[in-house]
Every structure is written in structure tokens, then in C-alpha cells.
């Protein structure tokens, strides 16, 4: 699973990273302790009829709410979606088909549980060279039925991060990991003209295996508060 992650890039950096044309990201602030329902940046590509596709960086609520939901808050957690079943789940099926996103992250947290004591040790998992990760995600727009159609506050962009069985190098920490896509797959993943199905999800998971296997993990202190100190390896505290 992926229940906490970090993203310290500014919006201008992300626009350059994804060669995006912009988007509405006024509510985004870099954070080293992003939790479910927090605002997160997402990279997506949308297309209207015969108009050219537009690549954007937007801010979404981290927990996907499908358009048919009566409330923004869902009854079950939706900040993660299992890649093995997302294509058939009513909650995610429409998003798999044509509303796929990249969730940028500098890394994510996972807690390793000691089976003898029950103690949980936090680790920060990130790219070996500090490169930005592009996590496979899904998005959906939800309209608040209590607000008028012309009210700009009516629409909420929401998103989830796909997870898969943990790769060998990470399975001792947790049995699931997010799906970090290789850069050469980013454009294909967000292309709204590509009809998504289980085969596409399986392709993404397979392509992510080498990336996930090359991630490194550092033991860190309690993930409390916010700031770059949260991702500092404990063995470097004396530096």
C-alpha cells in the first residue's frame, strides 16, 4: 500500500518535468508528509472532441470519488487501488478506461512490522539517484450535488495511486508497493485515447518491476509533522 508520501518539487519544476501546459495548482504546497485526502499534484492529459490533447499539472484530493457517488467521502478507503482488480471495480473502472494520471513523488513511506513485538519501523523508499518517481494513478471528477452548476466550488478532482504485490527487494518491508512507471511509459499511460483495461494495468505492473526493484529504503524517525527532516536516514542524524 501507499499511505504517506513526499513531494518537494515546486509547480514550475513539475511543469517542466512533465512538459505540461499548466493547470490549476494554486492550492499545492510541497510536503514531506502527504496523507490521504490531502491535496496532491497529478499529471494528466485530457482531450475534448476534435481538439488537441492538453497535458496539465493539477491538484487533486488524494482519495478517488467516482462521479456517481452521492458524497465526496467514500465509505471505503480509496487512496489506493489494487492493480489486479481496478479494471473491474465499479469505483475505479471508468477511470481505468480513460482517466489515468501520474502522481509525482520523491518517495513514499512504509512501516515494517516486527512480528514478535508488533513494533512498526518507518522507512522512506525512494529512487537510488533521487530521481522523481511517477506513480501510476487514476483520477475522477466529482460534482457536489448541493451546489449549483455554475458554482466553481462544485467540482472536485480526486485521485488514487495504484498498488501491486511487492517486488522482491521490498517485500520484507510490506507486501504491497505503489506502481512506479518508467518514464518511457508515462505518455502512453496518461493518453486518454488509449482505452484502459486489465491488460493495460498488467502492462504497467510489469514495466514497473525493474523501477521498484531498484528503489532504496532508509530507516527514518517517526513520520510526524512536516519538513525535509522526515526523510533523513537515521544513520545520518549526526551529520
C-alpha atoms as a PDB file:
ATOM      1  CA  UNK A   1       0.000   0.000   0.000  1.00  0.00           C
ATOM      2  CA  UNK A   2       0.981   3.633  -0.092  1.00  0.00           C
ATOM      3  CA  UNK A   3      -0.481   5.731   2.702  1.00  0.00           C
ATOM      4  CA  UNK A   4       2.112   8.504   3.021  1.00  0.00           C
ATOM      5  CA  UNK A   5       4.466  10.061   0.515  1.00  0.00           C
ATOM      6  CA  UNK A   6       6.650  13.110  -0.070  1.00  0.00           C
ATOM      7  CA  UNK A   7       6.803  15.627  -2.897  1.00  0.00           C
ATOM      8  CA  UNK A   8       9.105  18.623  -2.563  1.00  0.00           C
ATOM      9  CA  UNK A   9       9.005  19.924  -6.143  1.00  0.00           C
ATOM     10  CA  UNK A  10       7.583  23.352  -6.907  1.00  0.00           C
ATOM     11  CA  UNK A  11       4.858  23.582  -9.530  1.00  0.00           C
ATOM     12  CA  UNK A  12       7.133  25.221 -12.104  1.00  0.00           C
ATOM     13  CA  UNK A  13       9.576  22.334 -11.726  1.00  0.00           C
ATOM     14  CA  UNK A  14       6.781  19.818 -12.262  1.00  0.00           C
ATOM     15  CA  UNK A  15       5.503  21.582 -15.369  1.00  0.00           C
ATOM     16  CA  UNK A  16       8.991  21.358 -16.863  1.00  0.00           C
ATOM     17  CA  UNK A  17       9.375  17.751 -15.704  1.00  0.00           C
ATOM     18  CA  UNK A  18       6.192  16.668 -17.461  1.00  0.00           C
ATOM     19  CA  UNK A  19       6.356  19.192 -20.332  1.00  0.00           C
ATOM     20  CA  UNK A  20       2.889  20.285 -19.263  1.00  0.00           C
ATOM     21  CA  UNK A  21       0.995  23.337 -20.420  1.00  0.00           C
ATOM     22  CA  UNK A  22      -0.053  24.337 -16.938  1.00  0.00           C
ATOM     23  CA  UNK A  23      -3.167  23.704 -14.922  1.00  0.00           C
ATOM     24  CA  UNK A  24      -4.856  24.896 -11.755  1.00  0.00           C
ATOM     25  CA  UNK A  25      -2.394  24.196  -8.970  1.00  0.00           C
ATOM     26  CA  UNK A  26      -2.804  27.224  -6.719  1.00  0.00           C
ATOM     27  CA  UNK A  27      -3.576  25.073  -3.667  1.00  0.00           C
ATOM     28  CA  UNK A  28      -0.424  22.939  -3.923  1.00  0.00           C
ATOM     29  CA  UNK A  29       2.449  23.307  -1.473  1.00  0.00           C
ATOM     30  CA  UNK A  30       5.491  20.983  -1.250  1.00  0.00           C
ATOM     31  CA  UNK A  31       5.152  18.480   1.583  1.00  0.00           C
ATOM     32  CA  UNK A  32       7.153  15.627   3.094  1.00  0.00           C
ATOM     33  CA  UNK A  33       4.152  14.082   4.836  1.00  0.00           C
ATOM     34  CA  UNK A  34       1.241  13.802   2.421  1.00  0.00           C
ATOM     35  CA  UNK A  35      -1.687  11.819   3.822  1.00  0.00           C
ATOM     36  CA  UNK A  36      -4.936  10.528   2.298  1.00  0.00           C
ATOM     37  CA  UNK A  37      -7.448  13.293   1.456  1.00  0.00           C
ATOM     38  CA  UNK A  38      -4.606  15.862   1.335  1.00  0.00           C
ATOM     39  CA  UNK A  39      -4.123  17.854  -1.876  1.00  0.00           C
ATOM     40  CA  UNK A  40      -1.653  16.164  -4.231  1.00  0.00           C
ATOM     41  CA  UNK A  41      -0.236  17.147  -7.635  1.00  0.00           C
ATOM     42  CA  UNK A  42      -1.238  14.941 -10.553  1.00  0.00           C
ATOM     43  CA  UNK A  43      -0.087  14.938 -14.145  1.00  0.00           C
ATOM     44  CA  UNK A  44      -2.869  14.184 -16.604  1.00  0.00           C
ATOM     45  CA  UNK A  45      -3.808  14.616 -20.236  1.00  0.00           C
ATOM     46  CA  UNK A  46      -7.311  15.465 -21.375  1.00  0.00           C
ATOM     47  CA  UNK A  47      -8.973  15.751 -24.765  1.00  0.00           C
ATOM     48  CA  UNK A  48     -12.243  17.359 -25.843  1.00  0.00           C
ATOM     49  CA  UNK A  49     -13.767  16.073 -29.083  1.00  0.00           C
ATOM     50  CA  UNK A  50     -11.558  17.106 -32.023  1.00  0.00           C
ATOM     51  CA  UNK A  51      -9.372  19.478 -30.007  1.00  0.00           C
ATOM     52  CA  UNK A  52      -5.699  18.635 -29.372  1.00  0.00           C
ATOM     53  CA  UNK A  53      -4.926  16.800 -26.136  1.00  0.00           C
ATOM     54  CA  UNK A  54      -3.699  19.029 -23.283  1.00  0.00           C
ATOM     55  CA  UNK A  55      -1.071  17.974 -20.726  1.00  0.00           C
ATOM     56  CA  UNK A  56      -1.605  19.555 -17.313  1.00  0.00           C
ATOM     57  CA  UNK A  57      -0.426  19.518 -13.725  1.00  0.00           C
ATOM     58  CA  UNK A  58      -3.447  19.760 -11.440  1.00  0.00           C
ATOM     59  CA  UNK A  59      -4.143  19.457  -7.726  1.00  0.00           C
ATOM     60  CA  UNK A  60      -6.405  16.610  -6.647  1.00  0.00           C
ATOM     61  CA  UNK A  61      -7.839  15.268  -3.416  1.00  0.00           C
ATOM     62  CA  UNK A  62      -5.944  12.090  -2.584  1.00  0.00           C
ATOM     63  CA  UNK A  63      -8.845   9.609  -2.392  1.00  0.00           C
ATOM     64  CA  UNK A  64     -10.798   8.912  -5.547  1.00  0.00           C
ATOM     65  CA  UNK A  65     -14.501   9.654  -5.570  1.00  0.00           C
ATOM     66  CA  UNK A  66     -16.381   8.330  -8.627  1.00  0.00           C
ATOM     67  CA  UNK A  67     -18.801  10.669 -10.382  1.00  0.00           C
ATOM     68  CA  UNK A  68     -21.815   8.623  -9.274  1.00  0.00           C
ATOM     69  CA  UNK A  69     -21.071   8.909  -5.541  1.00  0.00           C
ATOM     70  CA  UNK A  70     -23.540  10.979  -3.541  1.00  0.00           C
ATOM     71  CA  UNK A  71     -20.826  12.209  -1.166  1.00  0.00           C
ATOM     72  CA  UNK A  72     -17.202  13.256  -1.524  1.00  0.00           C
ATOM     73  CA  UNK A  73     -16.146  10.982   1.331  1.00  0.00           C
ATOM     74  CA  UNK A  74     -16.486   7.339   0.357  1.00  0.00           C
ATOM     75  CA  UNK A  75     -17.438   4.521   2.710  1.00  0.00           C
ATOM     76  CA  UNK A  76     -14.242   2.588   1.983  1.00  0.00           C
ATOM     77  CA  UNK A  77     -10.686   3.928   1.613  1.00  0.00           C
ATOM     78  CA  UNK A  78      -9.894   4.856  -1.999  1.00  0.00           C
ATOM     79  CA  UNK A  79      -6.450   6.435  -1.754  1.00  0.00           C
ATOM     80  CA  UNK A  80      -5.053   3.185  -3.206  1.00  0.00           C
ATOM     81  CA  UNK A  81      -6.459   0.901  -5.892  1.00  0.00           C
ATOM     82  CA  UNK A  82      -5.281  -2.679  -6.408  1.00  0.00           C
ATOM     83  CA  UNK A  83      -3.916  -3.058  -9.937  1.00  0.00           C
ATOM     84  CA  UNK A  84      -5.168  -6.653 -10.023  1.00  0.00           C
ATOM     85  CA  UNK A  85      -8.832  -5.674  -9.687  1.00  0.00           C
ATOM     86  CA  UNK A  86      -9.214  -1.947 -10.501  1.00  0.00           C
ATOM     87  CA  UNK A  87     -10.435  -2.578 -14.066  1.00  0.00           C
ATOM     88  CA  UNK A  88     -13.476  -4.488 -12.791  1.00  0.00           C
ATOM     89  CA  UNK A  89     -14.317  -2.480  -9.680  1.00  0.00           C
ATOM     90  CA  UNK A  90     -17.216  -0.004 -10.143  1.00  0.00           C
ATOM     91  CA  UNK A  91     -15.255   2.520  -8.048  1.00  0.00           C
ATOM     92  CA  UNK A  92     -12.336   2.628 -10.492  1.00  0.00           C
ATOM     93  CA  UNK A  93     -13.472   1.065 -13.781  1.00  0.00           C
ATOM     94  CA  UNK A  94     -14.320   4.297 -15.621  1.00  0.00           C
ATOM     95  CA  UNK A  95     -11.050   5.895 -14.533  1.00  0.00           C
ATOM     96  CA  UNK A  96      -9.040   2.897 -15.746  1.00  0.00           C
ATOM     97  CA  UNK A  97     -10.699   3.276 -19.150  1.00  0.00           C
ATOM     98  CA  UNK A  98      -9.746   6.885 -19.879  1.00  0.00           C
ATOM     99  CA  UNK A  99      -8.794   8.897 -16.783  1.00  0.00           C
ATOM    100  CA  UNK A 100      -5.317   7.776 -15.802  1.00  0.00           C
ATOM    101  CA  UNK A 101      -2.748  10.025 -14.149  1.00  0.00           C
ATOM    102  CA  UNK A 102       0.827  10.160 -12.947  1.00  0.00           C
ATOM    103  CA  UNK A 103       1.318  11.058  -9.282  1.00  0.00           C
ATOM    104  CA  UNK A 104       4.797  12.577  -8.869  1.00  0.00           C
ATOM    105  CA  UNK A 105       6.687  11.752  -5.685  1.00  0.00           C
ATOM    106  CA  UNK A 106      10.248  11.916  -4.390  1.00  0.00           C
ATOM    107  CA  UNK A 107       9.469   8.815  -2.351  1.00  0.00           C
ATOM    108  CA  UNK A 108       6.964   7.185  -0.049  1.00  0.00           C
ATOM    109  CA  UNK A 109       6.833   5.796   3.483  1.00  0.00           C
ATOM    110  CA  UNK A 110       6.157   2.263   4.584  1.00  0.00           C
ATOM    111  CA  UNK A 111       6.123   0.713   8.032  1.00  0.00           C
ATOM    112  CA  UNK A 112       7.760  -2.660   8.686  1.00  0.00           C
ATOM    113  CA  UNK A 113       6.029  -4.605  11.434  1.00  0.00           C
ATOM    114  CA  UNK A 114       8.048  -6.776  13.803  1.00  0.00           C
ATOM    115  CA  UNK A 115       6.008  -9.982  14.032  1.00  0.00           C
ATOM    116  CA  UNK A 116       7.324 -10.717  17.540  1.00  0.00           C
ATOM    117  CA  UNK A 117       6.811  -7.346  19.189  1.00  0.00           C
ATOM    118  CA  UNK A 118       4.285  -5.692  16.889  1.00  0.00           C
ATOM    119  CA  UNK A 119       6.551  -2.624  16.711  1.00  0.00           C
ATOM    120  CA  UNK A 120       6.362  -0.690  13.449  1.00  0.00           C
ATOM    121  CA  UNK A 121       9.518   0.837  11.967  1.00  0.00           C
ATOM    122  CA  UNK A 122       9.120   3.568   9.318  1.00  0.00           C
ATOM    123  CA  UNK A 123      11.153   3.511   6.112  1.00  0.00           C
ATOM    124  CA  UNK A 124      11.417   6.104   3.364  1.00  0.00           C
ATOM    125  CA  UNK A 125      11.538   4.412  -0.042  1.00  0.00           C
ATOM    126  CA  UNK A 126      12.936   6.377  -2.978  1.00  0.00           C
ATOM    127  CA  UNK A 127      14.940   6.254  -6.195  1.00  0.00           C
ATOM    128  CA  UNK A 128      18.627   5.458  -5.801  1.00  0.00           C
ATOM    129  CA  UNK A 129      19.696   8.666  -7.578  1.00  0.00           C
ATOM    130  CA  UNK A 130      17.000  10.896  -6.107  1.00  0.00           C
ATOM    131  CA  UNK A 131      15.109  10.954  -9.395  1.00  0.00           C
ATOM    132  CA  UNK A 132      11.439  11.863  -9.359  1.00  0.00           C
ATOM    133  CA  UNK A 133       9.083   8.882  -9.286  1.00  0.00           C
ATOM    134  CA  UNK A 134       5.990   8.767 -11.478  1.00  0.00           C
ATOM    135  CA  UNK A 135       3.425   6.613  -9.664  1.00  0.00           C
ATOM    136  CA  UNK A 136       0.600   5.145 -11.728  1.00  0.00           C
ATOM    137  CA  UNK A 137      -2.667   6.728 -10.680  1.00  0.00           C
ATOM    138  CA  UNK A 138      -6.293   7.202 -11.634  1.00  0.00           C
ATOM    139  CA  UNK A 139      -8.454  10.303 -11.376  1.00  0.00           C
ATOM    140  CA  UNK A 140     -12.131  11.231 -11.355  1.00  0.00           C
ATOM    141  CA  UNK A 141     -14.135  14.439 -11.226  1.00  0.00           C
ATOM    142  CA  UNK A 142     -16.870  14.602  -8.591  1.00  0.00           C
ATOM    143  CA  UNK A 143     -19.615  17.227  -8.657  1.00  0.00           C
ATOM    144  CA  UNK A 144     -21.190  18.328  -5.377  1.00  0.00           C
ATOM    145  CA  UNK A 145     -24.975  17.930  -5.908  1.00  0.00           C
ATOM    146  CA  UNK A 146     -25.662  20.533  -3.216  1.00  0.00           C
ATOM    147  CA  UNK A 147     -24.085  23.312  -5.311  1.00  0.00           C
ATOM    148  CA  UNK A 148     -25.328  24.963  -8.476  1.00  0.00           C
ATOM    149  CA  UNK A 149     -23.923  24.064 -11.879  1.00  0.00           C
ATOM    150  CA  UNK A 150     -22.300  27.483 -12.239  1.00  0.00           C
ATOM    151  CA  UNK A 151     -20.611  27.330  -8.816  1.00  0.00           C
ATOM    152  CA  UNK A 152     -16.843  26.819  -9.299  1.00  0.00           C
ATOM    153  CA  UNK A 153     -16.662  25.076  -5.912  1.00  0.00           C
ATOM    154  CA  UNK A 154     -18.942  22.325  -7.226  1.00  0.00           C
ATOM    155  CA  UNK A 155     -16.219  20.318  -8.939  1.00  0.00           C
ATOM    156  CA  UNK A 156     -13.599  18.267  -7.114  1.00  0.00           C
ATOM    157  CA  UNK A 157     -10.690  16.491  -8.802  1.00  0.00           C
ATOM    158  CA  UNK A 158      -9.883  13.284  -6.917  1.00  0.00           C
ATOM    159  CA  UNK A 159      -7.177  10.657  -7.416  1.00  0.00           C
ATOM    160  CA  UNK A 160      -5.832   7.308  -6.269  1.00  0.00           C
ATOM    161  CA  UNK A 161      -2.469   5.521  -6.504  1.00  0.00           C
ATOM    162  CA  UNK A 162      -2.286   2.019  -7.944  1.00  0.00           C
ATOM    163  CA  UNK A 163      -0.555  -0.711  -5.940  1.00  0.00           C
ATOM    164  CA  UNK A 164       0.664  -4.220  -6.738  1.00  0.00           C
ATOM    165  CA  UNK A 165       2.297  -7.147  -4.962  1.00  0.00           C
ATOM    166  CA  UNK A 166       5.626  -6.002  -3.548  1.00  0.00           C
ATOM    167  CA  UNK A 167       8.731  -6.703  -5.580  1.00  0.00           C
ATOM    168  CA  UNK A 168      11.390  -8.940  -4.045  1.00  0.00           C
ATOM    169  CA  UNK A 169      13.583  -6.117  -2.746  1.00  0.00           C
ATOM    170  CA  UNK A 170      10.687  -4.509  -0.847  1.00  0.00           C
ATOM    171  CA  UNK A 171       8.582  -7.470   0.296  1.00  0.00           C
ATOM    172  CA  UNK A 172      10.337  -7.677   3.678  1.00  0.00           C
ATOM    173  CA  UNK A 173       9.018  -4.204   4.490  1.00  0.00           C
ATOM    174  CA  UNK A 174       5.465  -4.556   3.173  1.00  0.00           C
ATOM    175  CA  UNK A 175       3.544  -6.942   0.932  1.00  0.00           C
ATOM    176  CA  UNK A 176       2.339  -4.160  -1.389  1.00  0.00           C
ATOM    177  CA  UNK A 177       4.047  -1.306  -3.191  1.00  0.00           C
ATOM    178  CA  UNK A 178       2.871   1.523  -5.460  1.00  0.00           C
ATOM    179  CA  UNK A 179       3.424   1.106  -9.209  1.00  0.00           C
ATOM    180  CA  UNK A 180       6.338   3.384 -10.260  1.00  0.00           C
ATOM    181  CA  UNK A 181       6.167   3.697 -14.041  1.00  0.00           C
ATOM    182  CA  UNK A 182       9.321   4.031 -16.156  1.00  0.00           C
ATOM    183  CA  UNK A 183       9.464   7.381 -17.941  1.00  0.00           C
ATOM    184  CA  UNK A 184       9.065   5.829 -21.366  1.00  0.00           C
ATOM    185  CA  UNK A 185       5.578   4.669 -20.333  1.00  0.00           C
ATOM    186  CA  UNK A 186       4.327   7.969 -18.889  1.00  0.00           C
ATOM    187  CA  UNK A 187       2.915   9.353 -22.139  1.00  0.00           C
ATOM    188  CA  UNK A 188       1.169   6.091 -23.018  1.00  0.00           C
ATOM    189  CA  UNK A 189      -0.309   5.771 -19.525  1.00  0.00           C
ATOM    190  CA  UNK A 190      -1.963   9.209 -19.479  1.00  0.00           C
ATOM    191  CA  UNK A 191      -3.081   9.162 -23.129  1.00  0.00           C
ATOM    192  CA  UNK A 192      -6.918   9.423 -22.936  1.00  0.00           C
ATOM    193  CA  UNK A 193      -7.278   7.924 -26.416  1.00  0.00           C
ATOM    194  CA  UNK A 194      -5.807   4.657 -25.145  1.00  0.00           C
ATOM    195  CA  UNK A 195      -8.697   2.599 -23.787  1.00  0.00           C
ATOM    196  CA  UNK A 196      -7.591   1.189 -20.456  1.00  0.00           C
ATOM    197  CA  UNK A 197      -8.373  -2.345 -19.373  1.00  0.00           C
ATOM    198  CA  UNK A 198      -6.855  -5.090 -17.240  1.00  0.00           C
ATOM    199  CA  UNK A 199      -4.242  -5.747 -19.921  1.00  0.00           C
ATOM    200  CA  UNK A 200      -3.017  -2.143 -19.631  1.00  0.00           C
ATOM    201  CA  UNK A 201      -2.838  -2.434 -15.839  1.00  0.00           C
ATOM    202  CA  UNK A 202      -0.886  -5.676 -16.131  1.00  0.00           C
ATOM    203  CA  UNK A 203       1.474  -3.999 -18.612  1.00  0.00           C
ATOM    204  CA  UNK A 204       2.053  -1.145 -16.165  1.00  0.00           C
ATOM    205  CA  UNK A 205       2.806  -3.516 -13.277  1.00  0.00           C
ATOM    206  CA  UNK A 206       5.295  -5.497 -15.371  1.00  0.00           C
ATOM    207  CA  UNK A 207       7.017  -2.323 -16.585  1.00  0.00           C
ATOM    208  CA  UNK A 208       7.250  -1.022 -13.007  1.00  0.00           C
ATOM    209  CA  UNK A 209       9.066  -4.081 -11.632  1.00  0.00           C
ATOM    210  CA  UNK A 210      12.628  -3.005 -12.624  1.00  0.00           C
ATOM    211  CA  UNK A 211      11.973   0.511 -11.286  1.00  0.00           C
ATOM    212  CA  UNK A 212      10.592  -0.806  -7.983  1.00  0.00           C
ATOM    213  CA  UNK A 213      13.405  -3.341  -7.602  1.00  0.00           C
ATOM    214  CA  UNK A 214      15.952  -0.527  -7.880  1.00  0.00           C
ATOM    215  CA  UNK A 215      14.380   1.612  -5.156  1.00  0.00           C
ATOM    216  CA  UNK A 216      16.304   2.030  -1.927  1.00  0.00           C
ATOM    217  CA  UNK A 217      14.869   2.279   1.566  1.00  0.00           C
ATOM    218  CA  UNK A 218      16.145   4.258   4.547  1.00  0.00           C
ATOM    219  CA  UNK A 219      15.019   3.815   8.130  1.00  0.00           C
ATOM    220  CA  UNK A 220      13.689   7.150   9.347  1.00  0.00           C
ATOM    221  CA  UNK A 221      12.259   8.613  12.521  1.00  0.00           C
ATOM    222  CA  UNK A 222       8.561   8.994  13.362  1.00  0.00           C
ATOM    223  CA  UNK A 223       6.599  10.474  10.462  1.00  0.00           C
ATOM    224  CA  UNK A 224       5.104  13.345  12.438  1.00  0.00           C
ATOM    225  CA  UNK A 225       4.759  16.947  11.358  1.00  0.00           C
ATOM    226  CA  UNK A 226       6.180  18.114   8.045  1.00  0.00           C
ATOM    227  CA  UNK A 227       9.587  19.050   6.701  1.00  0.00           C
ATOM    228  CA  UNK A 228      12.651  17.625   4.912  1.00  0.00           C
ATOM    229  CA  UNK A 229      13.946  16.178   8.185  1.00  0.00           C
ATOM    230  CA  UNK A 230      11.298  13.438   7.921  1.00  0.00           C
ATOM    231  CA  UNK A 231      13.137  11.732   5.055  1.00  0.00           C
ATOM    232  CA  UNK A 232      16.589  11.970   6.653  1.00  0.00           C
ATOM    233  CA  UNK A 233      18.048   8.493   7.296  1.00  0.00           C
ATOM    234  CA  UNK A 234      18.574   7.843  10.994  1.00  0.00           C
ATOM    235  CA  UNK A 235      22.187   6.844  10.477  1.00  0.00           C
ATOM    236  CA  UNK A 236      22.885  10.353   9.142  1.00  0.00           C
ATOM    237  CA  UNK A 237      21.428  12.188  12.119  1.00  0.00           C
ATOM    238  CA  UNK A 238      24.859  13.030  13.498  1.00  0.00           C
ATOM    239  CA  UNK A 239      25.998  14.775  10.272  1.00  0.00           C
END
